[in-house]
Amino acid sequence: MVSRKVSRRRFVAGTAAASTVMVAAPFVRGAYAAGKLSLGFWDHWVPGANKATEALVKEWADKEKVEVTLDFITSQGNKLLLTTAAESQAKSGHDVLAFSTWLPSRYSEQLVPMNDIMEPLIKENGAVNGTVEYLGNLKGKWLAVPATVGSQIKGPCSRIDLMKQLAGIDVQAMYPAGAAPKADAWTLDAFLKAAEACNKGGHAFGLGLGTTSDSVDTAGAIFHSFGAELVNAKGDITVKSDNVRKALDYYKKLMSFLPEDAPAWDDASNNKWLVSGKGALICNPPSAWAVAKRDAPKVAEQCWTHGFPAGPAGRFGPFLPYFWGVWNFSKNQPAAKSLLTFLSQATSAEKMVQASAGYDLPSFEKLTTFKTWAEEAPPKGTLYHYPNPHNHQKLSIAAAPAPHKIAEQIYTQGIMTQMVVRHGKGEAMEKTLDWASQEIEGFMRN
């Protein structure tokens, strides 16, 4: 008997409540020629998206004659994070586990190298983006395989009508469905002017300044656009640089056009801002648009997902990958690697993308043009540019290129957004930089 335990997080205006449901086994086998395999995958918050993963696992298990136990583990309440920590300490648990953004490096000593999987996959599906390379490959060792499920870009989702009426920007012409962007004029200066115009028109950009992921990801992209690093790849603290100062000065101007309570926002706030009809732009994967389709269809009809504005150092889009890793205490590593190879094929990835209505993103260069993104509606083509099909922007993550241990703490503590709020509320630039330097020095001592 194969068990499936599902703790399913539902989509409600970008936030949700969790419930745990026991369901019937998806398939039963009488003889298991290739042994057993236990899987712990992220529990998707798009209703029905888990079913594609279940079906693919069943297809593989039927063919390979492996008995599989599949658990979907919610990230709400840090349950997936706690499960990972507990299994690491006990050296027992799932054979294959979903690892969120920073966790492969944290558990690198306990993960089976994946070079023998990743090298053929890259040859077949094209290079992975730089963020996946940074997070998943440590000194030439692939720590895990980038997962389609859960991986996302948090680029701008704009209101077509409000951007046109209030800011004079036609986002559909700038990012036409089915064609390469025509966005040379979409710069940080243009973004700032649009934010001011939309705020004056009563529809401010919904950019948070809190310490949760959505706010930090936006700050990371803007800092990267100025070439602003808090710590460089060697581990040197570089907070007191001209580029960091420029990023903070820019953000101080931008902050004056954002909602007054933006420093208190969490990851649900921007979703609610868009769905309510208040916002002209947010930075988010298509989850907020998907909620709008259900709860505010008139808003959904005016949404268009597109690329980030370019700064002096280039155009950067925030990318958050999930990974699938195999513990080195797994008793069936060959089967685990076989399954991950199967789940990483183009045909498998496309089924996951389709089941998530375009939310999920493969990390490989050749897997960014599935028809789902071109056909999702309303309006048709609204997600065409979501997967960055024309390599229009460099996919990035806040706190890179710092060494992982330091970068993870900069990210999770929201150091960039805290700097923005401190300086934006009137703290002297050098005092803000001193504070950030001291915080980072503390991370290095831990």
Foldseek 3Di string as FASTA:
>chain_A
DAWEKAFAFEFDLQHGDTDTDGDDDPDDDDAAPQEEFEEEEAHDHQPQLVVLVVVLVVVLCVVNRYRYHYYHFYPVVPRLVVVVVVCLVVVDDGQKYKFWFQPLVVSVVFFDFDCVQVVVLCVVQNDFAPSCCLRQADPNTGSFAWALPPKFWQFKKFQQVLLCVQLVDRVCQQPPFPDHGVPPVQALVSVLSSQQRSLVVQAHAAAALEQEQQNLLVLQQLLVLLVHAQAALVGHGDLPDPSNVVSLVSLLSSVVSYPPCRHVDYSSRNLNSQLVVRHRMGGGFCSSLVNSVVRPVVSNLRIAGAFHHHHPNGGEIEIITMGMTGTPSDPNVVVVSVSVSSCSDLVNSLSSCVSSLNRGEDRRLNNLQRCSCQQRDDVGNRRNPRRVNVVRHRYDGGNPPYPSQLSVVCNNRSLSSVLSVCVSVPDDNVVSSVVSVVVSVVSVVD
